[in-house]
Every structure is written in structure tokens, then in C-alpha cells.
């Protein structure tokens, strides 16, 4: 390993991966079906901007100081459900 300073190791990189969020295209599909049970998202609701904002707030806070280099999915469990099929 190359020589590193403490400042080099004091970096945090986190990425949030947005899932199914209510927008124009999803609104059209939802209004056509009007069936919450037909959603592929296990939580049976659309993501909201507050879901992303709450994660961003947490990651920017001191409480997340031990979280490093992670991909955090904000998709209501949709990815987990799809990968288990």
C-alpha cells in the first residue's frame, strides 16, 4: 500500500440509489391500474423525496461517521425482491 496520511483516510463516499419514485410516467401507470397490489415494490408505496432527503441528512451527520463506501438502495425492497427470483 502506498504511504497515506490521516487526511487521506478521512474521506467518506456513500451513494444512494433511488428506486420507484412517483413521477409523471409512474403516475400514468398507477392511475391506469388503480391497484396498489399490482406494484412491484414490496412496501406497496412510491418513494418520496423525504426518503432520499432523510438518508442524505443521515449520511451528512456525525451519526454516520462509521458508514463508508456503501451503496444504499432507496427502493422499498424492490431490488431485493427481484434478485431473489
PDB file of N, CA and C in Angstrom:
ATOM      1  N   UNK A   1       0.845  -1.177   0.000  1.00  0.00           N
ATOM      2  CA  UNK A   1       0.000   0.000   0.000  1.00  0.00           C
ATOM      3  C   UNK A   1       0.885   1.233   0.000  1.00  0.00           C
ATOM      4  N   UNK A   2       0.461   2.238  -0.749  1.00  0.00           N
ATOM      5  CA  UNK A   2       1.197   3.495  -0.779  1.00  0.00           C
ATOM      6  C   UNK A   2       1.121   4.177   0.576  1.00  0.00           C
ATOM      7  N   UNK A   3       2.054   5.081   0.784  1.00  0.00           N
ATOM      8  CA  UNK A   3       2.060   5.839   2.023  1.00  0.00           C
ATOM      9  C   UNK A   3       0.843   6.769   2.049  1.00  0.00           C
ATOM     10  N   UNK A   4       0.068   6.704   3.123  1.00  0.00           N
ATOM     11  CA  UNK A   4      -1.136   7.526   3.263  1.00  0.00           C
ATOM     12  C   UNK A   4      -1.050   8.358   4.519  1.00  0.00           C
ATOM     13  N   UNK A   5      -1.661   9.501   4.475  1.00  0.00           N
ATOM     14  CA  UNK A   5      -1.743  10.338   5.670  1.00  0.00           C
ATOM     15  C   UNK A   5      -3.122  10.159   6.288  1.00  0.00           C
ATOM     16  N   UNK A   6      -3.272  10.627   7.509  1.00  0.00           N
ATOM     17  CA  UNK A   6      -4.566  10.532   8.181  1.00  0.00           C
ATOM     18  C   UNK A   6      -5.642  11.265   7.379  1.00  0.00           C
ATOM     19  N   UNK A   7      -5.287  12.377   6.772  1.00  0.00           N
ATOM     20  CA  UNK A   7      -6.248  13.142   5.968  1.00  0.00           C
ATOM     21  C   UNK A   7      -6.734  12.327   4.772  1.00  0.00           C
ATOM     22  N   UNK A   8      -5.862  11.502   4.192  1.00  0.00           N
ATOM     23  CA  UNK A   8      -6.262  10.667   3.063  1.00  0.00           C
ATOM     24  C   UNK A   8      -7.317   9.644   3.467  1.00  0.00           C
ATOM     25  N   UNK A   9      -7.254   9.183   4.696  1.00  0.00           N
ATOM     26  CA  UNK A   9      -8.171   8.155   5.172  1.00  0.00           C
ATOM     27  C   UNK A   9      -9.437   8.737   5.780  1.00  0.00           C
ATOM     28  N   UNK A  10      -9.530  10.037   5.863  1.00  0.00           N
ATOM     29  CA  UNK A  10     -10.665  10.692   6.499  1.00  0.00           C
ATOM     30  C   UNK A  10     -11.719  11.092   5.465  1.00  0.00           C
ATOM     31  N   UNK A  11     -11.879  10.279   4.434  1.00  0.00           N
ATOM     32  CA  UNK A  11     -12.863  10.553   3.397  1.00  0.00           C
ATOM     33  C   UNK A  11     -13.995   9.544   3.492  1.00  0.00           C
ATOM     34  N   UNK A  12     -15.190   9.985   3.216  1.00  0.00           N
ATOM     35  CA  UNK A  12     -16.352   9.105   3.210  1.00  0.00           C
ATOM     36  C   UNK A  12     -17.058   9.238   1.874  1.00  0.00           C
ATOM     37  N   UNK A  13     -17.331   8.119   1.235  1.00  0.00           N
ATOM     38  CA  UNK A  13     -18.075   8.119  -0.018  1.00  0.00           C
ATOM     39  C   UNK A  13     -19.283   7.211   0.143  1.00  0.00           C
ATOM     40  N   UNK A  14     -20.453   7.758  -0.014  1.00  0.00           N
ATOM     41  CA  UNK A  14     -21.683   6.983   0.029  1.00  0.00           C
ATOM     42  C   UNK A  14     -22.520   7.378  -1.179  1.00  0.00           C
ATOM     43  N   UNK A  15     -23.257   6.423  -1.703  1.00  0.00           N
ATOM     44  CA  UNK A  15     -24.110   6.678  -2.859  1.00  0.00           C
ATOM     45  C   UNK A  15     -25.496   6.161  -2.528  1.00  0.00           C
ATOM     46  N   UNK A  16     -26.516   6.957  -2.803  1.00  0.00           N
ATOM     47  CA  UNK A  16     -27.865   6.429  -2.636  1.00  0.00           C
ATOM     48  C   UNK A  16     -28.425   6.114  -4.014  1.00  0.00           C
ATOM     49  N   UNK A  17     -29.085   4.988  -4.106  1.00  0.00           N
ATOM     50  CA  UNK A  17     -29.644   4.526  -5.370  1.00  0.00           C
ATOM     51  C   UNK A  17     -31.161   4.600  -5.274  1.00  0.00           C
ATOM     52  N   UNK A  18     -31.731   5.512  -6.012  1.00  0.00           N
ATOM     53  CA  UNK A  18     -33.159   5.759  -5.949  1.00  0.00           C
ATOM     54  C   UNK A  18     -33.920   4.677  -6.696  1.00  0.00           C
ATOM     55  N   UNK A  19     -35.023   4.236  -6.131  1.00  0.00           N
ATOM     56  CA  UNK A  19     -35.856   3.218  -6.762  1.00  0.00           C
ATOM     57  C   UNK A  19     -37.116   3.819  -7.354  1.00  0.00           C
ATOM     58  N   UNK A  20     -38.257   3.191  -7.091  1.00  0.00           N
ATOM     59  CA  UNK A  20     -39.539   3.597  -7.674  1.00  0.00           C
ATOM     60  C   UNK A  20     -40.081   4.841  -6.987  1.00  0.00           C
ATOM     61  N   UNK A  21     -39.992   5.947  -7.679  1.00  0.00           N
ATOM     62  CA  UNK A  21     -40.496   7.208  -7.143  1.00  0.00           C
ATOM     63  C   UNK A  21     -41.636   7.705  -8.009  1.00  0.00           C
ATOM     64  N   UNK A  22     -42.586   8.339  -7.366  1.00  0.00           N
ATOM     65  CA  UNK A  22     -43.773   8.828  -8.058  1.00  0.00           C
ATOM     66  C   UNK A  22     -43.411   9.996  -8.954  1.00  0.00           C
ATOM     67  N   UNK A  23     -43.611   9.828 -10.243  1.00  0.00           N
ATOM     68  CA  UNK A  23     -43.344  10.879 -11.221  1.00  0.00           C
ATOM     69  C   UNK A  23     -44.393  10.817 -12.312  1.00  0.00           C
ATOM     70  N   UNK A  24     -44.216  11.549 -13.360  1.00  0.00           N
ATOM     71  CA  UNK A  24     -45.225  11.621 -14.422  1.00  0.00           C
ATOM     72  C   UNK A  24     -45.488  10.251 -15.040  1.00  0.00           C
ATOM     73  N   UNK A  25     -44.435   9.543 -15.449  1.00  0.00           N
ATOM     74  CA  UNK A  25     -44.636   8.238 -16.084  1.00  0.00           C
ATOM     75  C   UNK A  25     -45.246   7.233 -15.122  1.00  0.00           C
ATOM     76  N   UNK A  26     -44.759   7.206 -13.899  1.00  0.00           N
ATOM     77  CA  UNK A  26     -45.306   6.262 -12.929  1.00  0.00           C
ATOM     78  C   UNK A  26     -46.729   6.638 -12.543  1.00  0.00           C
ATOM     79  N   UNK A  27     -47.048   7.920 -12.541  1.00  0.00           N
ATOM     80  CA  UNK A  27     -48.405   8.364 -12.212  1.00  0.00           C
ATOM     81  C   UNK A  27     -49.398   7.850 -13.245  1.00  0.00           C
ATOM     82  N   UNK A  28     -49.032   7.929 -14.511  1.00  0.00           N
ATOM     83  CA  UNK A  28     -49.918   7.442 -15.575  1.00  0.00           C
ATOM     84  C   UNK A  28     -50.178   5.954 -15.391  1.00  0.00           C
ATOM     85  N   UNK A  29     -49.121   5.172 -15.168  1.00  0.00           N
ATOM     86  CA  UNK A  29     -49.290   3.729 -14.958  1.00  0.00           C
ATOM     87  C   UNK A  29     -50.154   3.449 -13.739  1.00  0.00           C
ATOM     88  N   UNK A  30     -49.915   4.155 -12.651  1.00  0.00           N
ATOM     89  CA  UNK A  30     -50.649   3.917 -11.414  1.00  0.00           C
ATOM     90  C   UNK A  30     -52.126   4.262 -11.578  1.00  0.00           C
ATOM     91  N   UNK A  31     -52.416   5.371 -12.232  1.00  0.00           N
ATOM     92  CA  UNK A  31     -53.810   5.766 -12.400  1.00  0.00           C
ATOM     93  C   UNK A  31     -54.541   4.831 -13.353  1.00  0.00           C
ATOM     94  N   UNK A  32     -53.822   4.240 -14.282  1.00  0.00           N
ATOM     95  CA  UNK A  32     -54.448   3.272 -15.195  1.00  0.00           C
ATOM     96  C   UNK A  32     -54.841   2.002 -14.445  1.00  0.00           C
ATOM     97  N   UNK A  33     -53.980   1.527 -13.586  1.00  0.00           N
ATOM     98  CA  UNK A  33     -54.266   0.273 -12.885  1.00  0.00           C
ATOM     99  C   UNK A  33     -55.088   0.493 -11.620  1.00  0.00           C
ATOM    100  N   UNK A  34     -54.859   1.604 -10.936  1.00  0.00           N
ATOM    101  CA  UNK A  34     -55.555   1.920  -9.683  1.00  0.00           C
ATOM    102  C   UNK A  34     -55.514   0.745  -8.707  1.00  0.00           C
ATOM    103  N   UNK A  35     -54.470  -0.048  -8.779  1.00  0.00           N
ATOM    104  CA  UNK A  35     -54.355  -1.220  -7.917  1.00  0.00           C
ATOM    105  C   UNK A  35     -53.018  -1.200  -7.214  1.00  0.00           C
ATOM    106  N   UNK A  36     -53.063  -0.891  -5.925  1.00  0.00           N
ATOM    107  CA  UNK A  36     -51.826  -0.813  -5.159  1.00  0.00           C
ATOM    108  C   UNK A  36     -51.123  -2.172  -5.093  1.00  0.00           C
ATOM    109  N   UNK A  37     -51.885  -3.253  -5.144  1.00  0.00           N
ATOM    110  CA  UNK A  37     -51.299  -4.591  -5.052  1.00  0.00           C
ATOM    111  C   UNK A  37     -50.526  -4.981  -6.305  1.00  0.00           C
ATOM    112  N   UNK A  38     -50.727  -4.262  -7.402  1.00  0.00           N
ATOM    113  CA  UNK A  38     -50.008  -4.594  -8.631  1.00  0.00           C
ATOM    114  C   UNK A  38     -48.609  -3.989  -8.652  1.00  0.00           C
ATOM    115  N   UNK A  39     -48.290  -3.160  -7.663  1.00  0.00           N
ATOM    116  CA  UNK A  39     -46.956  -2.556  -7.605  1.00  0.00           C
ATOM    117  C   UNK A  39     -45.914  -3.633  -7.358  1.00  0.00           C
ATOM    118  N   UNK A  40     -44.770  -3.490  -7.981  1.00  0.00           N
ATOM    119  CA  UNK A  40     -43.691  -4.453  -7.781  1.00  0.00           C
ATOM    120  C   UNK A  40     -42.862  -4.131  -6.547  1.00  0.00           C
ATOM    121  N   UNK A  41     -43.113  -2.995  -5.916  1.00  0.00           N
ATOM    122  CA  UNK A  41     -42.373  -2.587  -4.725  1.00  0.00           C
ATOM    123  C   UNK A  41     -42.988  -3.279  -3.505  1.00  0.00           C
ATOM    124  N   UNK A  42     -42.208  -4.058  -2.744  1.00  0.00           N
ATOM    125  CA  UNK A  42     -42.747  -4.764  -1.589  1.00  0.00           C
ATOM    126  C   UNK A  42     -43.449  -3.871  -0.562  1.00  0.00           C
ATOM    127  N   UNK A  43     -43.010  -2.632  -0.405  1.00  0.00           N
ATOM    128  CA  UNK A  43     -43.660  -1.752   0.570  1.00  0.00           C
ATOM    129  C   UNK A  43     -44.989  -1.201   0.068  1.00  0.00           C
ATOM    130  N   UNK A  44     -45.333  -1.471  -1.189  1.00  0.00           N
ATOM    131  CA  UNK A  44     -46.608  -1.062  -1.790  1.00  0.00           C
ATOM    132  C   UNK A  44     -46.857   0.435  -1.709  1.00  0.00           C
ATOM    133  N   UNK A  45     -45.801   1.196  -1.853  1.00  0.00           N
ATOM    134  CA  UNK A  45     -45.944   2.650  -1.928  1.00  0.00           C
ATOM    135  C   UNK A  45     -44.800   3.199  -2.752  1.00  0.00           C
ATOM    136  N   UNK A  46     -45.005   4.376  -3.291  1.00  0.00           N
ATOM    137  CA  UNK A  46     -43.959   5.054  -4.040  1.00  0.00           C
ATOM    138  C   UNK A  46     -42.981   5.692  -3.072  1.00  0.00           C
ATOM    139  N   UNK A  47     -41.746   5.803  -3.494  1.00  0.00           N
ATOM    140  CA  UNK A  47     -40.776   6.549  -2.707  1.00  0.00           C
ATOM    141  C   UNK A  47     -41.110   8.028  -2.759  1.00  0.00           C
ATOM    142  N   UNK A  48     -40.720   8.730  -1.723  1.00  0.00           N
ATOM    143  CA  UNK A  48     -40.967  10.166  -1.659  1.00  0.00           C
ATOM    144  C   UNK A  48     -39.637  10.894  -1.531  1.00  0.00           C
ATOM    145  N   UNK A  49     -39.640  12.155  -1.890  1.00  0.00           N
ATOM    146  CA  UNK A  49     -38.398  12.927  -1.796  1.00  0.00           C
ATOM    147  C   UNK A  49     -37.872  12.938  -0.368  1.00  0.00           C
ATOM    148  N   UNK A  50     -38.764  12.852   0.606  1.00  0.00           N
ATOM    149  CA  UNK A  50     -38.320  12.837   2.005  1.00  0.00           C
ATOM    150  C   UNK A  50     -37.510  11.579   2.320  1.00  0.00           C
ATOM    151  N   UNK A  51     -37.763  10.469   1.622  1.00  0.00           N
ATOM    152  CA  UNK A  51     -36.980   9.247   1.830  1.00  0.00           C
ATOM    153  C   UNK A  51     -35.520   9.485   1.458  1.00  0.00           C
ATOM    154  N   UNK A  52     -35.294  10.152   0.345  1.00  0.00           N
ATOM    155  CA  UNK A  52     -33.933  10.468  -0.091  1.00  0.00           C
ATOM    156  C   UNK A  52     -33.332  11.540   0.807  1.00  0.00           C
ATOM    157  N   UNK A  53     -34.118  12.550   1.144  1.00  0.00           N
ATOM    158  CA  UNK A  53     -33.625  13.645   1.990  1.00  0.00           C
ATOM    159  C   UNK A  53     -33.221  13.139   3.369  1.00  0.00           C
ATOM    160  N   UNK A  54     -33.996  12.214   3.936  1.00  0.00           N
ATOM    161  CA  UNK A  54     -33.661  11.668   5.255  1.00  0.00           C
ATOM    162  C   UNK A  54     -32.349  10.897   5.217  1.00  0.00           C
ATOM    163  N   UNK A  55     -32.134  10.131   4.151  1.00  0.00           N
ATOM    164  CA  UNK A  55     -30.868   9.405   4.031  1.00  0.00           C
ATOM    165  C   UNK A  55     -29.706  10.374   3.854  1.00  0.00           C
ATOM    166  N   UNK A  56     -29.885  11.370   3.001  1.00  0.00           N
ATOM    167  CA  UNK A  56     -28.821  12.357   2.777  1.00  0.00           C
ATOM    168  C   UNK A  56     -28.487  13.084   4.069  1.00  0.00           C
ATOM    169  N   UNK A  57     -29.501  13.410   4.842  1.00  0.00           N
ATOM    170  CA  UNK A  57     -29.293  14.083   6.126  1.00  0.00           C
ATOM    171  C   UNK A  57     -28.502  13.189   7.081  1.00  0.00           C
ATOM    172  N   UNK A  58     -28.871  11.909   7.118  1.00  0.00           N
ATOM    173  CA  UNK A  58     -28.155  10.964   7.975  1.00  0.00           C
ATOM    174  C   UNK A  58     -26.696  10.828   7.542  1.00  0.00           C
ATOM    175  N   UNK A  59     -26.468  10.663   6.238  1.00  0.00           N
ATOM    176  CA  UNK A  59     -25.105  10.479   5.745  1.00  0.00           C
ATOM    177  C   UNK A  59     -24.242  11.716   5.963  1.00  0.00           C
ATOM    178  N   UNK A  60     -24.858  12.880   6.002  1.00  0.00           N
ATOM    179  CA  UNK A  60     -24.110  14.120   6.227  1.00  0.00           C
ATOM    180  C   UNK A  60     -23.868  14.385   7.709  1.00  0.00           C
ATOM    181  N   UNK A  61     -24.513  13.609   8.561  1.00  0.00           N
ATOM    182  CA  UNK A  61     -24.399  13.844  10.001  1.00  0.00           C
ATOM    183  C   UNK A  61     -23.250  13.046  10.618  1.00  0.00           C
ATOM    184  N   UNK A  62     -22.912  13.396  11.847  1.00  0.00           N
ATOM    185  CA  UNK A  62     -21.875  12.670  12.583  1.00  0.00           C
ATOM    186  C   UNK A  62     -22.315  11.248  12.921  1.00  0.00           C
ATOM    187  N   UNK A  63     -23.625  11.002  12.977  1.00  0.00           N
ATOM    188  CA  UNK A  63     -24.125   9.661  13.311  1.00  0.00           C
ATOM    189  C   UNK A  63     -23.709   8.611  12.281  1.00  0.00           C
ATOM    190  N   UNK A  64     -23.389   9.037  11.072  1.00  0.00           N
ATOM    191  CA  UNK A  64     -22.999   8.079  10.032  1.00  0.00           C
ATOM    192  C   UNK A  64     -21.484   7.988   9.874  1.00  0.00           C
ATOM    193  N   UNK A  65     -20.752   8.434  10.862  1.00  0.00           N
ATOM    194  CA  UNK A  65     -19.292   8.505  10.731  1.00  0.00           C
ATOM    195  C   UNK A  65     -18.632   7.139  10.520  1.00  0.00           C
ATOM    196  N   UNK A  66     -19.316   6.049  10.856  1.00  0.00           N
ATOM    197  CA  UNK A  66     -18.736   4.720  10.685  1.00  0.00           C
ATOM    198  C   UNK A  66     -19.206   4.058   9.385  1.00  0.00           C
ATOM    199  N   UNK A  67     -20.047   4.742   8.625  1.00  0.00           N
ATOM    200  CA  UNK A  67     -20.531   4.236   7.339  1.00  0.00           C
ATOM    201  C   UNK A  67     -19.590   4.732   6.253  1.00  0.00           C
ATOM    202  N   UNK A  68     -18.992   3.800   5.513  1.00  0.00           N
ATOM    203  CA  UNK A  68     -18.037   4.182   4.469  1.00  0.00           C
ATOM    204  C   UNK A  68     -18.258   3.365   3.208  1.00  0.00           C
ATOM    205  N   UNK A  69     -18.133   4.031   2.079  1.00  0.00           N
ATOM    206  CA  UNK A  69     -18.119   3.379   0.763  1.00  0.00           C
ATOM    207  C   UNK A  69     -19.230   2.354   0.602  1.00  0.00           C
ATOM    208  N   UNK A  70     -20.443   2.797   0.721  1.00  0.00           N
ATOM    209  CA  UNK A  70     -21.570   1.884   0.619  1.00  0.00           C
ATOM    210  C   UNK A  70     -22.540   2.366  -0.446  1.00  0.00           C
ATOM    211  N   UNK A  71     -23.248   1.424  -1.058  1.00  0.00           N
ATOM    212  CA  UNK A  71     -24.342   1.738  -1.972  1.00  0.00           C
ATOM    213  C   UNK A  71     -25.626   1.475  -1.207  1.00  0.00           C
ATOM    214  N   UNK A  72     -26.385   2.497  -0.980  1.00  0.00           N
ATOM    215  CA  UNK A  72     -27.606   2.365  -0.193  1.00  0.00           C
ATOM    216  C   UNK A  72     -28.791   2.500  -1.139  1.00  0.00           C
ATOM    217  N   UNK A  73     -29.567   1.459  -1.239  1.00  0.00           N
ATOM    218  CA  UNK A  73     -30.707   1.454  -2.150  1.00  0.00           C
ATOM    219  C   UNK A  73     -31.937   2.025  -1.445  1.00  0.00           C
ATOM    220  N   UNK A  74     -32.562   2.969  -2.100  1.00  0.00           N
ATOM    221  CA  UNK A  74     -33.799   3.560  -1.589  1.00  0.00           C
ATOM    222  C   UNK A  74     -34.881   3.141  -2.576  1.00  0.00           C
ATOM    223  N   UNK A  75     -35.329   1.888  -2.456  1.00  0.00           N
ATOM    224  CA  UNK A  75     -36.273   1.367  -3.450  1.00  0.00           C
ATOM    225  C   UNK A  75     -37.393   0.536  -2.837  1.00  0.00           C
ATOM    226  N   UNK A  76     -37.601   0.660  -1.541  1.00  0.00           N
ATOM    227  CA  UNK A  76     -38.705  -0.047  -0.900  1.00  0.00           C
ATOM    228  C   UNK A  76     -38.575  -1.556  -0.935  1.00  0.00           C
ATOM    229  N   UNK A  77     -37.377  -2.064  -1.175  1.00  0.00           N
ATOM    230  CA  UNK A  77     -37.135  -3.504  -1.221  1.00  0.00           C
ATOM    231  C   UNK A  77     -37.282  -4.122  -2.600  1.00  0.00           C
ATOM    232  N   UNK A  78     -37.529  -3.309  -3.622  1.00  0.00           N
ATOM    233  CA  UNK A  78     -37.755  -3.832  -4.972  1.00  0.00           C
ATOM    234  C   UNK A  78     -36.552  -4.613  -5.496  1.00  0.00           C
ATOM    235  N   UNK A  79     -35.352  -4.097  -5.315  1.00  0.00           N
ATOM    236  CA  UNK A  79     -34.147  -4.772  -5.803  1.00  0.00           C
ATOM    237  C   UNK A  79     -33.962  -6.117  -5.113  1.00  0.00           C
ATOM    238  N   UNK A  80     -34.175  -6.158  -3.826  1.00  0.00           N
ATOM    239  CA  UNK A  80     -34.039  -7.400  -3.063  1.00  0.00           C
ATOM    240  C   UNK A  80     -35.029  -8.442  -3.561  1.00  0.00           C
ATOM    241  N   UNK A  81     -36.228  -8.018  -3.826  1.00  0.00           N
ATOM    242  CA  UNK A  81     -37.270  -8.917  -4.314  1.00  0.00           C
ATOM    243  C   UNK A  81     -36.926  -9.466  -5.695  1.00  0.00           C
ATOM    244  N   UNK A  82     -36.452  -8.605  -6.582  1.00  0.00           N
ATOM    245  CA  UNK A  82     -36.107  -9.022  -7.945  1.00  0.00           C
ATOM    246  C   UNK A  82     -34.918  -9.967  -7.957  1.00  0.00           C
ATOM    247  N   UNK A  83     -33.949  -9.750  -7.077  1.00  0.00           N
ATOM    248  CA  UNK A  83     -32.741 -10.575  -7.097  1.00  0.00           C
ATOM    249  C   UNK A  83     -32.965 -11.947  -6.476  1.00  0.00           C
ATOM    250  N   UNK A  84     -34.066 -12.131  -5.741  1.00  0.00           N
ATOM    251  CA  UNK A  84     -34.310 -13.427  -5.107  1.00  0.00           C
ATOM    252  C   UNK A  84     -35.150 -14.347  -5.982  1.00  0.00           C
ATOM    253  N   UNK A  85     -35.555 -13.861  -7.151  1.00  0.00           N
ATOM    254  CA  UNK A  85     -36.397 -14.677  -8.037  1.00  0.00           C
ATOM    255  C   UNK A  85     -35.555 -15.610  -8.847  1.00  0.00           C
TER     256      UNK A  85
END
